[in-house]
N, C-alpha and C. Protein backbone atom coordinates (compact mmCIF):
# COMPACT_ATOMS: atom_id res chain seq x y z
N MET A 1 77.91 86.53 70.19
CA MET A 1 78.19 87.81 70.79
C MET A 1 78.91 88.70 69.78
N SER A 2 78.78 89.99 69.96
CA SER A 2 79.46 90.93 69.07
C SER A 2 80.94 91.02 69.43
N THR A 3 81.73 91.57 68.51
CA THR A 3 83.14 91.74 68.81
C THR A 3 83.34 92.69 70.00
N GLU A 4 82.50 93.70 70.12
CA GLU A 4 82.62 94.63 71.25
C GLU A 4 82.30 93.91 72.57
N GLU A 5 81.31 93.03 72.56
CA GLU A 5 80.98 92.26 73.77
C GLU A 5 82.13 91.32 74.12
N ASN A 6 82.76 90.72 73.12
CA ASN A 6 83.90 89.84 73.39
C ASN A 6 85.08 90.64 73.96
N LYS A 7 85.33 91.84 73.43
CA LYS A 7 86.40 92.68 73.98
C LYS A 7 86.10 93.04 75.44
N LEU A 8 84.85 93.27 75.74
CA LEU A 8 84.46 93.58 77.11
C LEU A 8 84.73 92.39 78.04
N LEU A 9 84.53 91.17 77.55
CA LEU A 9 84.84 89.98 78.37
C LEU A 9 86.32 89.93 78.73
N VAL A 10 87.19 90.28 77.79
CA VAL A 10 88.62 90.32 78.09
C VAL A 10 88.89 91.41 79.12
N ARG A 11 88.24 92.55 78.98
CA ARG A 11 88.40 93.62 79.98
C ARG A 11 87.97 93.15 81.36
N ARG A 12 86.86 92.41 81.42
CA ARG A 12 86.42 91.85 82.71
C ARG A 12 87.46 90.89 83.26
N GLN A 13 88.04 90.06 82.38
CA GLN A 13 89.10 89.14 82.81
C GLN A 13 90.22 89.91 83.49
N PHE A 14 90.69 90.96 82.84
CA PHE A 14 91.81 91.74 83.37
C PHE A 14 91.43 92.46 84.66
N ASP A 15 90.31 93.18 84.62
CA ASP A 15 89.92 94.00 85.77
C ASP A 15 89.46 93.18 86.97
N GLU A 16 88.58 92.24 86.73
CA GLU A 16 87.96 91.52 87.84
C GLU A 16 88.79 90.35 88.35
N ILE A 17 89.44 89.63 87.45
CA ILE A 17 90.17 88.43 87.87
C ILE A 17 91.64 88.75 88.13
N TRP A 18 92.37 89.18 87.08
CA TRP A 18 93.80 89.44 87.25
C TRP A 18 94.06 90.53 88.29
N ASN A 19 93.42 91.68 88.14
CA ASN A 19 93.68 92.79 89.05
C ASN A 19 92.87 92.69 90.34
N GLY A 20 91.68 92.13 90.27
CA GLY A 20 90.80 92.11 91.44
C GLY A 20 90.77 90.82 92.23
N GLY A 21 91.27 89.72 91.65
CA GLY A 21 91.26 88.45 92.36
C GLY A 21 89.85 87.91 92.60
N ASN A 22 88.90 88.24 91.73
CA ASN A 22 87.52 87.78 91.88
C ASN A 22 87.36 86.42 91.21
N TRP A 23 87.44 85.37 92.00
CA TRP A 23 87.41 84.01 91.45
C TRP A 23 86.04 83.63 90.91
N GLU A 24 84.97 84.24 91.42
CA GLU A 24 83.63 83.94 90.92
C GLU A 24 83.50 84.34 89.45
N THR A 25 84.17 85.42 89.06
CA THR A 25 84.14 85.85 87.66
C THR A 25 84.79 84.79 86.77
N ALA A 26 85.84 84.15 87.25
CA ALA A 26 86.47 83.08 86.46
C ALA A 26 85.49 81.93 86.27
N ASP A 27 84.76 81.58 87.31
CA ASP A 27 83.77 80.51 87.18
C ASP A 27 82.70 80.87 86.15
N GLU A 28 82.36 82.15 86.07
CA GLU A 28 81.34 82.62 85.14
C GLU A 28 81.84 82.66 83.69
N LEU A 29 83.10 83.06 83.49
CA LEU A 29 83.58 83.36 82.15
C LEU A 29 84.36 82.24 81.45
N TYR A 30 84.77 81.20 82.18
CA TYR A 30 85.61 80.17 81.57
C TYR A 30 84.86 78.86 81.39
N ALA A 31 84.96 78.33 80.17
CA ALA A 31 84.33 77.05 79.85
C ALA A 31 85.07 75.92 80.56
N PRO A 32 84.37 74.82 80.87
CA PRO A 32 85.02 73.69 81.55
C PRO A 32 86.21 73.13 80.76
N GLU A 33 86.16 73.25 79.43
CA GLU A 33 87.23 72.70 78.59
C GLU A 33 88.31 73.74 78.25
N TYR A 34 88.26 74.90 78.89
CA TYR A 34 89.22 75.98 78.61
C TYR A 34 90.66 75.48 78.70
N VAL A 35 91.49 75.94 77.72
CA VAL A 35 92.92 75.61 77.69
C VAL A 35 93.69 76.90 77.46
N ASN A 36 94.78 77.08 78.20
CA ASN A 36 95.67 78.22 78.00
C ASN A 36 97.00 77.70 77.48
N HIS A 37 97.52 78.37 76.46
CA HIS A 37 98.81 78.00 75.87
C HIS A 37 99.82 79.09 76.21
N ASP A 38 100.78 78.77 77.03
CA ASP A 38 101.83 79.70 77.44
C ASP A 38 103.13 78.91 77.43
N PRO A 39 104.06 79.24 76.53
CA PRO A 39 105.31 78.48 76.47
C PRO A 39 106.07 78.43 77.79
N TYR A 40 105.91 79.44 78.62
CA TYR A 40 106.60 79.46 79.92
C TYR A 40 105.92 78.53 80.92
N ASN A 41 104.63 78.29 80.75
CA ASN A 41 103.86 77.46 81.69
C ASN A 41 103.13 76.35 80.94
N PRO A 42 103.85 75.39 80.37
CA PRO A 42 103.17 74.30 79.66
C PRO A 42 102.44 73.38 80.65
N GLY A 43 101.42 72.73 80.15
CA GLY A 43 100.73 71.73 80.95
C GLY A 43 99.90 72.30 82.09
N GLN A 44 99.39 73.50 81.90
CA GLN A 44 98.53 74.08 82.93
C GLN A 44 97.23 73.31 83.02
N GLY A 45 96.57 73.44 84.14
CA GLY A 45 95.26 72.84 84.30
C GLY A 45 94.25 73.49 83.39
N THR A 46 93.15 72.81 83.15
CA THR A 46 92.12 73.32 82.26
C THR A 46 90.95 73.87 83.05
N GLY A 47 90.04 74.50 82.32
CA GLY A 47 88.81 75.02 82.92
C GLY A 47 89.06 76.19 83.85
N PRO A 48 88.01 76.63 84.53
CA PRO A 48 88.15 77.76 85.45
C PRO A 48 89.16 77.53 86.56
N ASP A 49 89.24 76.32 87.08
CA ASP A 49 90.17 76.05 88.19
C ASP A 49 91.62 76.17 87.74
N GLY A 50 91.94 75.68 86.55
CA GLY A 50 93.29 75.83 86.02
C GLY A 50 93.65 77.29 85.83
N PHE A 51 92.69 78.07 85.33
CA PHE A 51 92.94 79.50 85.14
C PHE A 51 93.14 80.19 86.48
N LYS A 52 92.34 79.86 87.48
CA LYS A 52 92.47 80.49 88.80
C LYS A 52 93.82 80.17 89.43
N ARG A 53 94.30 78.94 89.28
CA ARG A 53 95.63 78.58 89.81
C ARG A 53 96.72 79.42 89.15
N ARG A 54 96.62 79.61 87.84
CA ARG A 54 97.60 80.40 87.09
C ARG A 54 97.61 81.84 87.57
N VAL A 55 96.44 82.44 87.65
CA VAL A 55 96.33 83.83 88.09
C VAL A 55 96.82 83.96 89.53
N GLY A 56 96.41 83.05 90.40
CA GLY A 56 96.83 83.09 91.80
C GLY A 56 98.33 82.99 91.94
N GLY A 57 98.97 82.17 91.10
CA GLY A 57 100.42 82.05 91.15
C GLY A 57 101.12 83.36 90.83
N TYR A 58 100.69 84.01 89.78
CA TYR A 58 101.30 85.30 89.41
C TYR A 58 100.99 86.38 90.44
N ARG A 59 99.77 86.41 90.92
CA ARG A 59 99.41 87.43 91.92
C ARG A 59 100.19 87.21 93.23
N GLY A 60 100.57 85.96 93.51
CA GLY A 60 101.36 85.68 94.70
C GLY A 60 102.81 86.10 94.58
N VAL A 61 103.31 86.19 93.37
CA VAL A 61 104.71 86.57 93.12
C VAL A 61 104.85 88.07 92.92
N LEU A 62 103.87 88.68 92.27
CA LEU A 62 103.93 90.11 91.97
C LEU A 62 102.88 90.86 92.79
N HIS A 63 103.34 91.66 93.70
CA HIS A 63 102.44 92.46 94.53
C HIS A 63 102.12 93.77 93.80
N ASP A 64 101.07 94.43 94.23
CA ASP A 64 100.59 95.65 93.55
C ASP A 64 100.36 95.37 92.07
N PHE A 65 99.78 94.22 91.81
CA PHE A 65 99.54 93.70 90.46
C PHE A 65 98.69 94.70 89.68
N ASP A 66 99.18 95.13 88.52
CA ASP A 66 98.48 96.11 87.70
C ASP A 66 98.61 95.72 86.23
N LEU A 67 97.63 94.97 85.74
CA LEU A 67 97.61 94.49 84.36
C LEU A 67 96.71 95.43 83.55
N ARG A 68 97.26 95.99 82.48
CA ARG A 68 96.53 96.99 81.69
C ARG A 68 96.39 96.56 80.24
N ILE A 69 95.24 96.86 79.69
CA ILE A 69 95.02 96.66 78.26
C ILE A 69 95.53 97.90 77.54
N GLU A 70 96.43 97.69 76.60
CA GLU A 70 96.98 98.78 75.81
C GLU A 70 96.21 98.94 74.49
N ARG A 71 95.89 97.82 73.84
CA ARG A 71 95.14 97.82 72.58
C ARG A 71 94.39 96.52 72.44
N GLN A 72 93.29 96.58 71.71
CA GLN A 72 92.55 95.37 71.38
C GLN A 72 92.04 95.46 69.95
N ILE A 73 92.03 94.33 69.28
CA ILE A 73 91.33 94.20 68.01
C ILE A 73 90.54 92.90 68.08
N ALA A 74 89.43 92.87 67.38
CA ALA A 74 88.58 91.69 67.45
C ALA A 74 87.96 91.41 66.09
N GLU A 75 87.76 90.12 65.84
CA GLU A 75 87.06 89.68 64.65
C GLU A 75 86.34 88.39 64.99
N GLY A 76 85.05 88.38 64.81
CA GLY A 76 84.26 87.19 65.12
C GLY A 76 84.41 86.80 66.58
N ASP A 77 84.79 85.54 66.82
CA ASP A 77 84.95 85.01 68.19
C ASP A 77 86.35 85.21 68.74
N TRP A 78 87.18 86.02 68.09
CA TRP A 78 88.58 86.18 68.47
C TRP A 78 88.86 87.61 68.92
N VAL A 79 89.65 87.72 70.00
CA VAL A 79 90.09 89.03 70.49
C VAL A 79 91.59 88.96 70.73
N GLU A 80 92.31 89.91 70.13
CA GLU A 80 93.75 90.06 70.34
C GLU A 80 93.95 91.26 71.26
N THR A 81 94.67 91.04 72.35
CA THR A 81 94.88 92.09 73.34
C THR A 81 96.37 92.29 73.57
N GLN A 82 96.82 93.50 73.39
CA GLN A 82 98.19 93.86 73.76
C GLN A 82 98.09 94.43 75.17
N TRP A 83 98.95 93.94 76.08
CA TRP A 83 98.84 94.32 77.48
C TRP A 83 100.19 94.69 78.07
N SER A 84 100.12 95.35 79.22
CA SER A 84 101.33 95.64 80.00
C SER A 84 101.04 95.33 81.46
N LEU A 85 102.09 94.95 82.17
CA LEU A 85 101.96 94.56 83.58
C LEU A 85 103.02 95.26 84.40
N ARG A 86 102.57 95.81 85.50
CA ARG A 86 103.46 96.41 86.48
C ARG A 86 103.21 95.74 87.82
N GLY A 87 104.26 95.62 88.61
CA GLY A 87 104.12 95.03 89.92
C GLY A 87 105.42 95.13 90.70
N ILE A 88 105.38 94.58 91.90
CA ILE A 88 106.55 94.54 92.78
C ILE A 88 106.88 93.07 93.02
N HIS A 89 108.14 92.70 92.80
CA HIS A 89 108.56 91.32 93.02
C HIS A 89 108.49 91.02 94.52
N GLY A 90 107.39 90.38 94.92
CA GLY A 90 107.16 90.14 96.34
C GLY A 90 107.05 88.68 96.73
N GLY A 91 107.30 87.76 95.81
CA GLY A 91 107.25 86.33 96.11
C GLY A 91 108.32 85.60 95.32
N GLU A 92 108.70 84.42 95.79
CA GLU A 92 109.76 83.66 95.12
C GLU A 92 109.32 83.26 93.71
N LEU A 93 110.25 83.40 92.78
CA LEU A 93 110.02 82.99 91.39
C LEU A 93 111.31 82.42 90.84
N GLU A 94 111.24 81.22 90.29
CA GLU A 94 112.41 80.55 89.72
C GLU A 94 113.57 80.51 90.70
N GLY A 95 113.27 80.26 91.96
CA GLY A 95 114.30 80.15 92.98
C GLY A 95 114.89 81.49 93.41
N THR A 96 114.31 82.58 92.94
CA THR A 96 114.81 83.91 93.28
C THR A 96 113.93 84.51 94.36
N ALA A 97 114.56 84.82 95.50
CA ALA A 97 113.81 85.40 96.62
C ALA A 97 113.26 86.77 96.24
N PRO A 98 112.13 87.14 96.83
CA PRO A 98 111.56 88.46 96.52
C PRO A 98 112.52 89.58 96.89
N ALA A 99 112.69 90.52 95.97
CA ALA A 99 113.63 91.61 96.19
C ALA A 99 112.93 92.96 96.35
N GLY A 100 111.61 92.97 96.17
CA GLY A 100 110.88 94.22 96.29
C GLY A 100 111.12 95.17 95.14
N ARG A 101 111.66 94.67 94.03
CA ARG A 101 111.91 95.52 92.86
C ARG A 101 110.64 95.72 92.05
N SER A 102 110.50 96.90 91.48
CA SER A 102 109.42 97.14 90.52
C SER A 102 109.75 96.41 89.23
N VAL A 103 108.73 95.81 88.62
CA VAL A 103 108.92 95.12 87.35
C VAL A 103 107.89 95.62 86.35
N TYR A 104 108.24 95.47 85.08
CA TYR A 104 107.35 95.83 83.97
C TYR A 104 107.55 94.79 82.88
N VAL A 105 106.47 94.23 82.38
CA VAL A 105 106.52 93.33 81.23
C VAL A 105 105.33 93.65 80.33
N ASP A 106 105.46 93.24 79.08
CA ASP A 106 104.33 93.38 78.19
C ASP A 106 104.17 92.11 77.39
N GLY A 107 103.01 91.99 76.75
CA GLY A 107 102.75 90.79 75.99
C GLY A 107 101.47 90.90 75.20
N GLN A 108 101.09 89.78 74.62
CA GLN A 108 99.88 89.69 73.81
C GLN A 108 99.10 88.46 74.21
N LEU A 109 97.79 88.61 74.13
CA LEU A 109 96.88 87.51 74.45
C LEU A 109 95.88 87.37 73.31
N LEU A 110 95.76 86.17 72.77
CA LEU A 110 94.76 85.87 71.76
C LEU A 110 93.70 84.98 72.42
N SER A 111 92.49 85.50 72.51
CA SER A 111 91.40 84.81 73.20
C SER A 111 90.36 84.31 72.20
N HIS A 112 89.98 83.06 72.34
CA HIS A 112 88.88 82.49 71.56
C HIS A 112 87.68 82.37 72.50
N ILE A 113 86.60 83.06 72.16
CA ILE A 113 85.41 83.15 73.01
C ILE A 113 84.24 82.57 72.23
N VAL A 114 83.53 81.61 72.85
CA VAL A 114 82.38 80.99 72.23
C VAL A 114 81.21 81.08 73.20
N ASP A 115 80.11 81.66 72.74
CA ASP A 115 78.90 81.79 73.56
C ASP A 115 79.18 82.45 74.90
N GLY A 116 80.02 83.48 74.89
CA GLY A 116 80.28 84.25 76.10
C GLY A 116 81.24 83.62 77.09
N LYS A 117 81.96 82.58 76.66
CA LYS A 117 82.93 81.92 77.54
C LYS A 117 84.27 81.78 76.83
N PHE A 118 85.34 81.96 77.61
CA PHE A 118 86.67 81.71 77.08
C PHE A 118 86.85 80.21 76.93
N VAL A 119 87.27 79.77 75.72
CA VAL A 119 87.49 78.34 75.50
C VAL A 119 88.97 78.02 75.29
N GLU A 120 89.73 79.01 74.78
CA GLU A 120 91.15 78.77 74.55
C GLU A 120 91.85 80.12 74.43
N GLU A 121 93.09 80.18 74.94
CA GLU A 121 93.88 81.40 74.83
C GLU A 121 95.34 81.06 74.59
N TRP A 122 96.01 81.95 73.86
CA TRP A 122 97.43 81.86 73.60
C TRP A 122 98.06 83.14 74.13
N VAL A 123 99.11 83.02 74.92
CA VAL A 123 99.77 84.20 75.47
C VAL A 123 101.26 84.17 75.10
N HIS A 124 101.75 85.33 74.72
CA HIS A 124 103.17 85.51 74.43
C HIS A 124 103.60 86.76 75.17
N TRP A 125 104.61 86.62 76.02
CA TRP A 125 105.02 87.76 76.84
C TRP A 125 106.52 87.73 77.07
N ASP A 126 107.04 88.84 77.55
CA ASP A 126 108.48 89.02 77.75
C ASP A 126 108.93 88.31 79.03
N THR A 127 108.90 86.99 78.99
CA THR A 127 109.30 86.18 80.14
C THR A 127 110.76 86.43 80.51
N LEU A 128 111.63 86.45 79.53
CA LEU A 128 113.05 86.68 79.80
C LEU A 128 113.25 88.05 80.46
N GLY A 129 112.54 89.05 79.99
CA GLY A 129 112.65 90.38 80.59
C GLY A 129 112.28 90.38 82.06
N LEU A 130 111.20 89.67 82.40
CA LEU A 130 110.80 89.58 83.81
C LEU A 130 111.86 88.87 84.62
N LEU A 131 112.37 87.75 84.12
CA LEU A 131 113.37 86.99 84.87
C LEU A 131 114.66 87.78 85.06
N ARG A 132 115.01 88.60 84.08
CA ARG A 132 116.19 89.46 84.24
C ARG A 132 115.92 90.55 85.28
N GLN A 133 114.73 91.13 85.27
CA GLN A 133 114.42 92.20 86.21
C GLN A 133 114.47 91.73 87.66
N ILE A 134 114.09 90.47 87.91
CA ILE A 134 114.09 89.98 89.30
C ILE A 134 115.43 89.35 89.68
N GLY A 135 116.34 89.22 88.71
CA GLY A 135 117.66 88.67 89.01
C GLY A 135 117.75 87.16 88.87
N ALA A 136 116.74 86.52 88.29
CA ALA A 136 116.78 85.06 88.10
C ALA A 136 117.65 84.69 86.92
N VAL A 137 117.85 85.61 85.98
CA VAL A 137 118.68 85.40 84.79
C VAL A 137 119.61 86.61 84.70
N PRO A 138 120.89 86.38 84.47
CA PRO A 138 121.82 87.52 84.38
C PRO A 138 121.53 88.38 83.15
N PRO A 139 121.90 89.65 83.22
CA PRO A 139 121.73 90.51 82.04
C PRO A 139 122.68 90.06 80.93
N PRO A 140 122.38 90.46 79.70
CA PRO A 140 123.29 90.09 78.61
C PRO A 140 124.64 90.78 78.80
N PRO A 141 125.70 90.16 78.28
CA PRO A 141 127.03 90.81 78.39
C PRO A 141 127.04 92.13 77.63
N SER A 142 127.78 93.07 78.17
CA SER A 142 127.84 94.39 77.51
C SER A 142 128.99 94.49 76.54
């Protein structure tokens, strides 16, 4: 696939799965051996089902889920995506009851795509920032 086609697959991931909750798209786009690397969520399940559990968990905690692509670059089978996320803390996270607060985080996703399927991804995001915004971690001393 071309780099533009691979970038479009990431856009479909964000629009249809993360924002839309369309699980059939995950079955279509994720290889059975798919692995996601996220330091905050080690040991996630593999394949489309592991990805759906991950997305479902975040969508259950953050209401009005709005994941946006800010920038993308691609080379060969690789796509780097800088993203931002907005939502409302509407579900328990790290023992913190939902407070209805607006949250904003950003991060980066490196996707490896082979023959039109996601096979592996690495995500780095402002986990500490999210946990501070919901009150699970105290702010730094002033």
